[in-house]
């Protein structure tokens, strides 16, 4: 049974002139811990998605960032308080292992997102230090070793790999951070659309690419197909050379998030870290 529609969501729908006929909560995360919830809203003229975020500044910033996205990304209709009203894209879920042409389209879309060089008056593609990423991850690795979630030698191997593969500086710009088949559909015209875009922020392109590697878990040939299409859209800023560094970052940050919100669900990112540690021979 659905919980009642939250008052903030009701207020945003009223502000948009939408009178819901029915709704269903589609959030996968527990809103009591993340501050977020998402609904499908059916109304007289169609369907929208209502997304409540942590706070109003987060919602406002996300709406601003998403206004710059390519057409294939589901657009925001309006922001009211900490709620976004978004277009609902009707379609069929993209299979976890898609056809090559869909992988190529997806890779090109992520490359197109990263290629955006201006946000209003702000110029993007600034080269920034990786130090904050690196220091954060070292702290979490040592915590995992101290609690026994990772072996001490595994954590040490990952720290050495982090040191060897660190690019020291990385290009920052618009990143998606949840770019995977789970958040894509093939719409009724046959186009690939990205329908969940609530993690958009300014971050390192390498981290975003590694998040896709982590979230999508494509087999090697499919991953290569995706990366080739991505590289064609972003030849001068391609972060693939430092991907090993960012893979460790992505897996560790996933562990940290789950430790905070879902401590019983750390097995997947820890298994990724163990596999990455096993690849280290030095």
C-alpha atoms as a PDB file:
ATOM      1  CA  UNK A   1       0.000   0.000   0.000  1.00  0.00           C
ATOM      2  CA  UNK A   2       1.312   3.448  -0.915  1.00  0.00           C
ATOM      3  CA  UNK A   3       2.026   5.934   1.871  1.00  0.00           C
ATOM      4  CA  UNK A   4       0.090   9.210   1.556  1.00  0.00           C
ATOM      5  CA  UNK A   5       1.377  11.726  -0.971  1.00  0.00           C
ATOM      6  CA  UNK A   6       3.684  14.074   0.931  1.00  0.00           C
ATOM      7  CA  UNK A   7       2.389  17.642   1.473  1.00  0.00           C
ATOM      8  CA  UNK A   8       5.456  19.140  -0.239  1.00  0.00           C
ATOM      9  CA  UNK A   9       4.793  17.038  -3.330  1.00  0.00           C
ATOM     10  CA  UNK A  10       1.111  18.013  -3.269  1.00  0.00           C
ATOM     11  CA  UNK A  11       2.126  21.683  -3.087  1.00  0.00           C
ATOM     12  CA  UNK A  12       4.512  21.329  -6.044  1.00  0.00           C
ATOM     13  CA  UNK A  13       1.847  19.611  -8.145  1.00  0.00           C
ATOM     14  CA  UNK A  14      -0.639  22.370  -7.298  1.00  0.00           C
ATOM     15  CA  UNK A  15       1.964  24.978  -8.275  1.00  0.00           C
ATOM     16  CA  UNK A  16       2.358  23.166 -11.620  1.00  0.00           C
ATOM     17  CA  UNK A  17      -1.412  23.070 -12.160  1.00  0.00           C
ATOM     18  CA  UNK A  18      -1.485  19.272 -11.950  1.00  0.00           C
ATOM     19  CA  UNK A  19      -4.356  17.477 -10.206  1.00  0.00           C
ATOM     20  CA  UNK A  20      -3.272  13.881  -9.574  1.00  0.00           C
ATOM     21  CA  UNK A  21      -5.686  11.071 -10.310  1.00  0.00           C
ATOM     22  CA  UNK A  22      -3.418   8.401  -8.877  1.00  0.00           C
ATOM     23  CA  UNK A  23       0.153   7.969  -7.755  1.00  0.00           C
ATOM     24  CA  UNK A  24       2.661   5.276  -6.862  1.00  0.00           C
ATOM     25  CA  UNK A  25       5.872   5.637  -4.942  1.00  0.00           C
ATOM     26  CA  UNK A  26       8.788   4.342  -7.019  1.00  0.00           C
ATOM     27  CA  UNK A  27      11.703   5.176  -4.709  1.00  0.00           C
ATOM     28  CA  UNK A  28      14.130   2.352  -4.026  1.00  0.00           C
ATOM     29  CA  UNK A  29      15.984   4.046  -1.157  1.00  0.00           C
ATOM     30  CA  UNK A  30      14.559   4.541   2.312  1.00  0.00           C
ATOM     31  CA  UNK A  31      13.520   8.189   2.470  1.00  0.00           C
ATOM     32  CA  UNK A  32      13.933   8.369   6.256  1.00  0.00           C
ATOM     33  CA  UNK A  33      17.695   7.999   5.763  1.00  0.00           C
ATOM     34  CA  UNK A  34      18.312   9.803   2.467  1.00  0.00           C
ATOM     35  CA  UNK A  35      15.695  12.549   2.608  1.00  0.00           C
ATOM     36  CA  UNK A  36      14.587  11.617  -0.902  1.00  0.00           C
ATOM     37  CA  UNK A  37      11.433  10.101  -2.371  1.00  0.00           C
ATOM     38  CA  UNK A  38      10.089   9.716  -5.909  1.00  0.00           C
ATOM     39  CA  UNK A  39       6.568   9.244  -7.249  1.00  0.00           C
ATOM     40  CA  UNK A  40       4.882   8.484 -10.542  1.00  0.00           C
ATOM     41  CA  UNK A  41       1.891  10.828 -10.790  1.00  0.00           C
ATOM     42  CA  UNK A  42      -0.947  10.116 -13.225  1.00  0.00           C
ATOM     43  CA  UNK A  43      -3.217  13.053 -14.071  1.00  0.00           C
ATOM     44  CA  UNK A  44      -5.837  14.014 -16.642  1.00  0.00           C
ATOM     45  CA  UNK A  45      -3.310  15.044 -19.304  1.00  0.00           C
ATOM     46  CA  UNK A  46      -0.697  12.343 -18.804  1.00  0.00           C
ATOM     47  CA  UNK A  47       1.999  11.331 -16.335  1.00  0.00           C
ATOM     48  CA  UNK A  48       4.840  13.111 -14.524  1.00  0.00           C
ATOM     49  CA  UNK A  49       7.491  12.155 -12.007  1.00  0.00           C
ATOM     50  CA  UNK A  50       7.665  14.036  -8.699  1.00  0.00           C
ATOM     51  CA  UNK A  51      11.002  13.898  -6.887  1.00  0.00           C
ATOM     52  CA  UNK A  52      11.537  15.219  -3.355  1.00  0.00           C
ATOM     53  CA  UNK A  53      15.185  15.983  -2.547  1.00  0.00           C
ATOM     54  CA  UNK A  54      17.107  16.632   0.677  1.00  0.00           C
ATOM     55  CA  UNK A  55      16.511  20.360   0.726  1.00  0.00           C
ATOM     56  CA  UNK A  56      15.569  23.329  -1.443  1.00  0.00           C
ATOM     57  CA  UNK A  57      19.152  24.420  -2.347  1.00  0.00           C
ATOM     58  CA  UNK A  58      19.870  20.894  -3.624  1.00  0.00           C
ATOM     59  CA  UNK A  59      16.675  20.919  -5.700  1.00  0.00           C
ATOM     60  CA  UNK A  60      17.417  24.374  -7.094  1.00  0.00           C
ATOM     61  CA  UNK A  61      20.980  23.480  -8.039  1.00  0.00           C
ATOM     62  CA  UNK A  62      19.918  20.188  -9.638  1.00  0.00           C
ATOM     63  CA  UNK A  63      17.245  21.953 -11.694  1.00  0.00           C
ATOM     64  CA  UNK A  64      19.861  24.457 -12.897  1.00  0.00           C
ATOM     65  CA  UNK A  65      22.367  21.769 -13.850  1.00  0.00           C
ATOM     66  CA  UNK A  66      19.745  19.675 -15.617  1.00  0.00           C
ATOM     67  CA  UNK A  67      18.622  22.637 -17.721  1.00  0.00           C
ATOM     68  CA  UNK A  68      21.918  22.184 -19.626  1.00  0.00           C
ATOM     69  CA  UNK A  69      21.484  18.478 -20.405  1.00  0.00           C
ATOM     70  CA  UNK A  70      21.064  17.073 -23.925  1.00  0.00           C
ATOM     71  CA  UNK A  71      17.536  16.263 -25.095  1.00  0.00           C
ATOM     72  CA  UNK A  72      17.918  12.541 -24.425  1.00  0.00           C
ATOM     73  CA  UNK A  73      17.937  13.212 -20.680  1.00  0.00           C
ATOM     74  CA  UNK A  74      14.449  13.506 -19.170  1.00  0.00           C
ATOM     75  CA  UNK A  75      13.820  17.229 -18.511  1.00  0.00           C
ATOM     76  CA  UNK A  76      12.704  19.029 -15.358  1.00  0.00           C
ATOM     77  CA  UNK A  77       9.328  20.755 -15.775  1.00  0.00           C
ATOM     78  CA  UNK A  78       9.626  22.911 -12.658  1.00  0.00           C
ATOM     79  CA  UNK A  79      11.168  23.158  -9.207  1.00  0.00           C
ATOM     80  CA  UNK A  80       9.071  24.099  -6.186  1.00  0.00           C
ATOM     81  CA  UNK A  81      10.727  24.062  -2.769  1.00  0.00           C
ATOM     82  CA  UNK A  82      12.686  20.846  -2.558  1.00  0.00           C
ATOM     83  CA  UNK A  83      10.500  19.063  -5.126  1.00  0.00           C
ATOM     84  CA  UNK A  84      11.190  18.639  -8.832  1.00  0.00           C
ATOM     85  CA  UNK A  85       8.401  17.858 -11.288  1.00  0.00           C
ATOM     86  CA  UNK A  86       9.922  15.957 -14.217  1.00  0.00           C
ATOM     87  CA  UNK A  87       8.714  14.618 -17.542  1.00  0.00           C
ATOM     88  CA  UNK A  88       7.736  10.955 -17.442  1.00  0.00           C
ATOM     89  CA  UNK A  89       9.329   9.056 -20.338  1.00  0.00           C
ATOM     90  CA  UNK A  90       7.201   6.092 -21.329  1.00  0.00           C
ATOM     91  CA  UNK A  91       9.222   3.202 -22.693  1.00  0.00           C
ATOM     92  CA  UNK A  92      10.762  -0.212 -22.205  1.00  0.00           C
ATOM     93  CA  UNK A  93      13.672  -0.751 -19.800  1.00  0.00           C
ATOM     94  CA  UNK A  94      17.071  -1.095 -21.440  1.00  0.00           C
ATOM     95  CA  UNK A  95      18.399  -4.636 -20.894  1.00  0.00           C
ATOM     96  CA  UNK A  96      21.419  -4.951 -18.606  1.00  0.00           C
ATOM     97  CA  UNK A  97      23.346  -6.293 -21.630  1.00  0.00           C
ATOM     98  CA  UNK A  98      22.046  -4.141 -24.507  1.00  0.00           C
ATOM     99  CA  UNK A  99      22.560  -4.428 -28.250  1.00  0.00           C
ATOM    100  CA  UNK A 100      25.780  -2.828 -29.577  1.00  0.00           C
ATOM    101  CA  UNK A 101      23.939   0.127 -31.128  1.00  0.00           C
ATOM    102  CA  UNK A 102      22.369   0.972 -27.764  1.00  0.00           C
ATOM    103  CA  UNK A 103      25.769   0.731 -26.060  1.00  0.00           C
ATOM    104  CA  UNK A 104      27.195   3.065 -28.684  1.00  0.00           C
ATOM    105  CA  UNK A 105      24.334   5.517 -28.157  1.00  0.00           C
ATOM    106  CA  UNK A 106      24.797   5.385 -24.391  1.00  0.00           C
ATOM    107  CA  UNK A 107      28.557   5.940 -24.635  1.00  0.00           C
ATOM    108  CA  UNK A 108      28.015   8.884 -26.966  1.00  0.00           C
ATOM    109  CA  UNK A 109      25.442  10.389 -24.571  1.00  0.00           C
ATOM    110  CA  UNK A 110      27.822  10.295 -21.627  1.00  0.00           C
ATOM    111  CA  UNK A 111      30.521  11.804 -23.841  1.00  0.00           C
ATOM    112  CA  UNK A 112      28.082  14.509 -24.951  1.00  0.00           C
ATOM    113  CA  UNK A 113      27.265  15.308 -21.326  1.00  0.00           C
ATOM    114  CA  UNK A 114      30.951  15.591 -20.418  1.00  0.00           C
ATOM    115  CA  UNK A 115      31.639  17.711 -23.491  1.00  0.00           C
ATOM    116  CA  UNK A 116      29.376  20.520 -22.227  1.00  0.00           C
ATOM    117  CA  UNK A 117      31.870  23.309 -21.600  1.00  0.00           C
ATOM    118  CA  UNK A 118      29.682  26.111 -20.233  1.00  0.00           C
ATOM    119  CA  UNK A 119      27.040  26.377 -17.516  1.00  0.00           C
ATOM    120  CA  UNK A 120      25.402  29.758 -17.961  1.00  0.00           C
ATOM    121  CA  UNK A 121      28.290  32.205 -17.594  1.00  0.00           C
ATOM    122  CA  UNK A 122      30.511  29.650 -15.897  1.00  0.00           C
ATOM    123  CA  UNK A 123      33.200  27.893 -17.916  1.00  0.00           C
ATOM    124  CA  UNK A 124      33.625  24.194 -17.149  1.00  0.00           C
ATOM    125  CA  UNK A 125      36.426  21.695 -17.851  1.00  0.00           C
ATOM    126  CA  UNK A 126      38.682  23.045 -15.128  1.00  0.00           C
ATOM    127  CA  UNK A 127      41.622  20.815 -14.146  1.00  0.00           C
ATOM    128  CA  UNK A 128      41.392  20.181 -10.394  1.00  0.00           C
ATOM    129  CA  UNK A 129      43.479  18.264  -7.894  1.00  0.00           C
ATOM    130  CA  UNK A 130      42.558  14.672  -7.079  1.00  0.00           C
ATOM    131  CA  UNK A 131      43.840  15.085  -3.503  1.00  0.00           C
ATOM    132  CA  UNK A 132      40.407  15.264  -1.840  1.00  0.00           C
ATOM    133  CA  UNK A 133      39.265  12.075  -3.562  1.00  0.00           C
ATOM    134  CA  UNK A 134      42.495  10.291  -2.664  1.00  0.00           C
ATOM    135  CA  UNK A 135      42.581  11.324   1.014  1.00  0.00           C
ATOM    136  CA  UNK A 136      38.939  10.407   1.551  1.00  0.00           C
ATOM    137  CA  UNK A 137      39.440   6.957   0.040  1.00  0.00           C
ATOM    138  CA  UNK A 138      42.567   6.250   2.088  1.00  0.00           C
ATOM    139  CA  UNK A 139      40.622   6.992   5.261  1.00  0.00           C
ATOM    140  CA  UNK A 140      37.821   4.597   4.300  1.00  0.00           C
ATOM    141  CA  UNK A 141      40.257   1.839   3.241  1.00  0.00           C
ATOM    142  CA  UNK A 142      41.972   2.021   6.621  1.00  0.00           C
ATOM    143  CA  UNK A 143      38.623   1.915   8.380  1.00  0.00           C
ATOM    144  CA  UNK A 144      37.627  -1.171   6.380  1.00  0.00           C
ATOM    145  CA  UNK A 145      40.902  -2.870   7.276  1.00  0.00           C
ATOM    146  CA  UNK A 146      40.494  -1.981  10.957  1.00  0.00           C
ATOM    147  CA  UNK A 147      37.006  -3.528  11.077  1.00  0.00           C
ATOM    148  CA  UNK A 148      38.002  -6.627   9.108  1.00  0.00           C
ATOM    149  CA  UNK A 149      35.728  -5.854   6.147  1.00  0.00           C
ATOM    150  CA  UNK A 150      38.927  -5.919   4.048  1.00  0.00           C
ATOM    151  CA  UNK A 151      42.153  -7.723   4.818  1.00  0.00           C
ATOM    152  CA  UNK A 152      45.062  -5.496   5.774  1.00  0.00           C
ATOM    153  CA  UNK A 153      47.066  -6.675   2.759  1.00  0.00           C
ATOM    154  CA  UNK A 154      44.091  -6.016   0.444  1.00  0.00           C
ATOM    155  CA  UNK A 155      43.771  -2.464   1.773  1.00  0.00           C
ATOM    156  CA  UNK A 156      47.532  -1.940   1.421  1.00  0.00           C
ATOM    157  CA  UNK A 157      47.456  -3.156  -2.193  1.00  0.00           C
ATOM    158  CA  UNK A 158      44.629  -0.782  -3.006  1.00  0.00           C
ATOM    159  CA  UNK A 159      46.512   2.132  -1.422  1.00  0.00           C
ATOM    160  CA  UNK A 160      49.565   1.302  -3.545  1.00  0.00           C
ATOM    161  CA  UNK A 161      47.407   1.067  -6.665  1.00  0.00           C
ATOM    162  CA  UNK A 162      45.835   4.408  -5.785  1.00  0.00           C
ATOM    163  CA  UNK A 163      49.273   5.981  -5.495  1.00  0.00           C
ATOM    164  CA  UNK A 164      50.573   4.520  -8.779  1.00  0.00           C
ATOM    165  CA  UNK A 165      47.512   5.349 -10.864  1.00  0.00           C
ATOM    166  CA  UNK A 166      46.710   8.800  -9.448  1.00  0.00           C
ATOM    167  CA  UNK A 167      46.596  11.347 -12.324  1.00  0.00           C
ATOM    168  CA  UNK A 168      47.101  14.129  -9.699  1.00  0.00           C
ATOM    169  CA  UNK A 169      44.822  16.453 -11.666  1.00  0.00           C
ATOM    170  CA  UNK A 170      41.545  15.661 -13.399  1.00  0.00           C
ATOM    171  CA  UNK A 171      39.062  17.513 -15.592  1.00  0.00           C
ATOM    172  CA  UNK A 172      35.832  18.494 -13.834  1.00  0.00           C
ATOM    173  CA  UNK A 173      32.485  19.239 -15.448  1.00  0.00           C
ATOM    174  CA  UNK A 174      28.904  18.006 -15.579  1.00  0.00           C
ATOM    175  CA  UNK A 175      28.724  14.396 -14.364  1.00  0.00           C
ATOM    176  CA  UNK A 176      25.812  11.995 -14.038  1.00  0.00           C
ATOM    177  CA  UNK A 177      27.121   9.549 -11.391  1.00  0.00           C
ATOM    178  CA  UNK A 178      24.387   6.953 -11.985  1.00  0.00           C
ATOM    179  CA  UNK A 179      24.696   6.307 -15.714  1.00  0.00           C
ATOM    180  CA  UNK A 180      23.635   2.681 -16.261  1.00  0.00           C
ATOM    181  CA  UNK A 181      20.945   0.556 -17.915  1.00  0.00           C
ATOM    182  CA  UNK A 182      18.797   0.660 -14.785  1.00  0.00           C
ATOM    183  CA  UNK A 183      18.172   4.368 -15.433  1.00  0.00           C
ATOM    184  CA  UNK A 184      17.511   4.159 -19.177  1.00  0.00           C
ATOM    185  CA  UNK A 185      14.534   3.256 -21.361  1.00  0.00           C
ATOM    186  CA  UNK A 186      13.826   2.915 -25.066  1.00  0.00           C
ATOM    187  CA  UNK A 187      10.968   5.329 -25.641  1.00  0.00           C
ATOM    188  CA  UNK A 188       7.974   4.779 -27.935  1.00  0.00           C
ATOM    189  CA  UNK A 189       9.858   6.280 -30.887  1.00  0.00           C
ATOM    190  CA  UNK A 190      12.783   3.879 -30.399  1.00  0.00           C
ATOM    191  CA  UNK A 191      15.169   6.446 -28.855  1.00  0.00           C
ATOM    192  CA  UNK A 192      17.357   5.713 -25.853  1.00  0.00           C
ATOM    193  CA  UNK A 193      16.441   8.075 -22.996  1.00  0.00           C
ATOM    194  CA  UNK A 194      18.031   8.593 -19.592  1.00  0.00           C
ATOM    195  CA  UNK A 195      15.186   8.864 -17.099  1.00  0.00           C
ATOM    196  CA  UNK A 196      16.826   9.155 -13.657  1.00  0.00           C
ATOM    197  CA  UNK A 197      19.162  12.134 -13.403  1.00  0.00           C
ATOM    198  CA  UNK A 198      19.013  13.079  -9.738  1.00  0.00           C
ATOM    199  CA  UNK A 199      22.754  12.749  -9.011  1.00  0.00           C
ATOM    200  CA  UNK A 200      23.955  15.290 -11.588  1.00  0.00           C
ATOM    201  CA  UNK A 201      26.734  17.469 -10.205  1.00  0.00           C
ATOM    202  CA  UNK A 202      30.121  18.974 -11.040  1.00  0.00           C
ATOM    203  CA  UNK A 203      32.803  16.334 -10.515  1.00  0.00           C
ATOM    204  CA  UNK A 204      35.668  14.530 -12.221  1.00  0.00           C
ATOM    205  CA  UNK A 205      34.876  12.844 -15.536  1.00  0.00           C
ATOM    206  CA  UNK A 206      37.024   9.859 -14.570  1.00  0.00           C
ATOM    207  CA  UNK A 207      34.940   9.301 -11.455  1.00  0.00           C
ATOM    208  CA  UNK A 208      31.736   9.442 -13.505  1.00  0.00           C
ATOM    209  CA  UNK A 209      33.083   6.908 -16.004  1.00  0.00           C
ATOM    210  CA  UNK A 210      34.168   4.620 -13.163  1.00  0.00           C
ATOM    211  CA  UNK A 211      30.711   4.905 -11.599  1.00  0.00           C
ATOM    212  CA  UNK A 212      29.276   3.618 -14.863  1.00  0.00           C
ATOM    213  CA  UNK A 213      31.777   0.719 -14.835  1.00  0.00           C
ATOM    214  CA  UNK A 214      30.747  -0.072 -11.263  1.00  0.00           C
ATOM    215  CA  UNK A 215      26.969   0.347 -11.647  1.00  0.00           C
ATOM    216  CA  UNK A 216      26.518  -1.282 -15.051  1.00  0.00           C
ATOM    217  CA  UNK A 217      28.992  -4.185 -14.685  1.00  0.00           C
ATOM    218  CA  UNK A 218      29.252  -4.755 -18.446  1.00  0.00           C
ATOM    219  CA  UNK A 219      31.279  -7.662 -19.827  1.00  0.00           C
ATOM    220  CA  UNK A 220      34.628  -6.633 -21.328  1.00  0.00           C
ATOM    221  CA  UNK A 221      33.522  -6.515 -25.024  1.00  0.00           C
ATOM    222  CA  UNK A 222      30.435  -4.455 -24.175  1.00  0.00           C
ATOM    223  CA  UNK A 223      32.444  -2.112 -21.954  1.00  0.00           C
ATOM    224  CA  UNK A 224      34.976  -1.602 -24.757  1.00  0.00           C
ATOM    225  CA  UNK A 225      32.121  -0.789 -27.162  1.00  0.00           C
ATOM    226  CA  UNK A 226      30.724   1.770 -24.712  1.00  0.00           C
ATOM    227  CA  UNK A 227      34.141   3.368 -24.151  1.00  0.00           C
ATOM    228  CA  UNK A 228      34.914   3.649 -27.872  1.00  0.00           C
ATOM    229  CA  UNK A 229      31.695   5.576 -28.452  1.00  0.00           C
ATOM    230  CA  UNK A 230      32.375   7.728 -25.391  1.00  0.00           C
ATOM    231  CA  UNK A 231      35.924   8.543 -26.550  1.00  0.00           C
ATOM    232  CA  UNK A 232      34.749   9.673 -29.979  1.00  0.00           C
ATOM    233  CA  UNK A 233      32.663  12.409 -28.324  1.00  0.00           C
ATOM    234  CA  UNK A 234      35.425  13.532 -25.971  1.00  0.00           C
ATOM    235  CA  UNK A 235      38.788  12.959 -27.690  1.00  0.00           C
ATOM    236  CA  UNK A 236      40.703  15.748 -25.943  1.00  0.00           C
ATOM    237  CA  UNK A 237      39.449  15.127 -22.386  1.00  0.00           C
ATOM    238  CA  UNK A 238      39.311  11.343 -22.290  1.00  0.00           C
ATOM    239  CA  UNK A 239      39.863  10.073 -18.703  1.00  0.00           C
ATOM    240  CA  UNK A 240      40.302   6.390 -19.636  1.00  0.00           C
ATOM    241  CA  UNK A 241      44.053   6.451 -18.927  1.00  0.00           C
ATOM    242  CA  UNK A 242      43.402   7.004 -15.221  1.00  0.00           C
ATOM    243  CA  UNK A 243      40.392   4.687 -14.966  1.00  0.00           C
ATOM    244  CA  UNK A 244      42.030   2.296 -12.489  1.00  0.00           C
ATOM    245  CA  UNK A 245      42.398   5.132  -9.983  1.00  0.00           C
ATOM    246  CA  UNK A 246      38.753   6.093 -10.394  1.00  0.00           C
ATOM    247  CA  UNK A 247      37.521   2.489 -10.168  1.00  0.00           C
ATOM    248  CA  UNK A 248      38.964   2.298  -6.657  1.00  0.00           C
ATOM    249  CA  UNK A 249      37.405   5.669  -5.819  1.00  0.00           C
ATOM    250  CA  UNK A 250      33.989   4.554  -7.097  1.00  0.00           C
ATOM    251  CA  UNK A 251      33.949   1.269  -5.179  1.00  0.00           C
ATOM    252  CA  UNK A 252      35.192   2.851  -1.936  1.00  0.00           C
ATOM    253  CA  UNK A 253      32.650   5.686  -2.107  1.00  0.00           C
ATOM    254  CA  UNK A 254      29.902   3.108  -2.619  1.00  0.00           C
ATOM    255  CA  UNK A 255      31.073   1.240   0.475  1.00  0.00           C
ATOM    256  CA  UNK A 256      31.087   4.475   2.477  1.00  0.00           C
ATOM    257  CA  UNK A 257      27.548   5.367   1.342  1.00  0.00           C
ATOM    258  CA  UNK A 258      26.237   1.933   2.282  1.00  0.00           C
ATOM    259  CA  UNK A 259      27.992   1.970   5.648  1.00  0.00           C
ATOM    260  CA  UNK A 260      26.110   5.187   6.441  1.00  0.00           C
ATOM    261  CA  UNK A 261      22.687   4.175   5.137  1.00  0.00           C
ATOM    262  CA  UNK A 262      22.593   0.418   4.489  1.00  0.00           C
ATOM    263  CA  UNK A 263      25.344  -1.263   6.544  1.00  0.00           C
ATOM    264  CA  UNK A 264      23.886  -4.687   5.797  1.00  0.00           C
ATOM    265  CA  UNK A 265      24.440  -4.153   2.040  1.00  0.00           C
ATOM    266  CA  UNK A 266      28.195  -3.618   1.688  1.00  0.00           C
ATOM    267  CA  UNK A 267      28.958  -6.999   0.096  1.00  0.00           C
ATOM    268  CA  UNK A 268      28.829  -5.818  -3.535  1.00  0.00           C
ATOM    269  CA  UNK A 269      31.248  -2.861  -3.338  1.00  0.00           C
ATOM    270  CA  UNK A 270      33.572  -4.813  -1.004  1.00  0.00           C
ATOM    271  CA  UNK A 271      33.692  -7.639  -3.559  1.00  0.00           C
ATOM    272  CA  UNK A 272      34.689  -5.090  -6.220  1.00  0.00           C
ATOM    273  CA  UNK A 273      37.490  -3.844  -3.971  1.00  0.00           C
ATOM    274  CA  UNK A 274      38.729  -7.372  -3.338  1.00  0.00           C
ATOM    275  CA  UNK A 275      38.812  -8.044  -7.084  1.00  0.00           C
ATOM    276  CA  UNK A 276      40.722  -4.802  -7.708  1.00  0.00           C
ATOM    277  CA  UNK A 277      43.184  -5.691  -4.922  1.00  0.00           C
ATOM    278  CA  UNK A 278      43.702  -9.158  -6.400  1.00  0.00           C
ATOM    279  CA  UNK A 279      44.809  -7.574  -9.694  1.00  0.00           C
ATOM    280  CA  UNK A 280      47.689  -5.827  -7.903  1.00  0.00           C
ATOM    281  CA  UNK A 281      50.943  -7.791  -8.003  1.00  0.00           C
ATOM    282  CA  UNK A 282      53.315  -5.256  -6.453  1.00  0.00           C
END
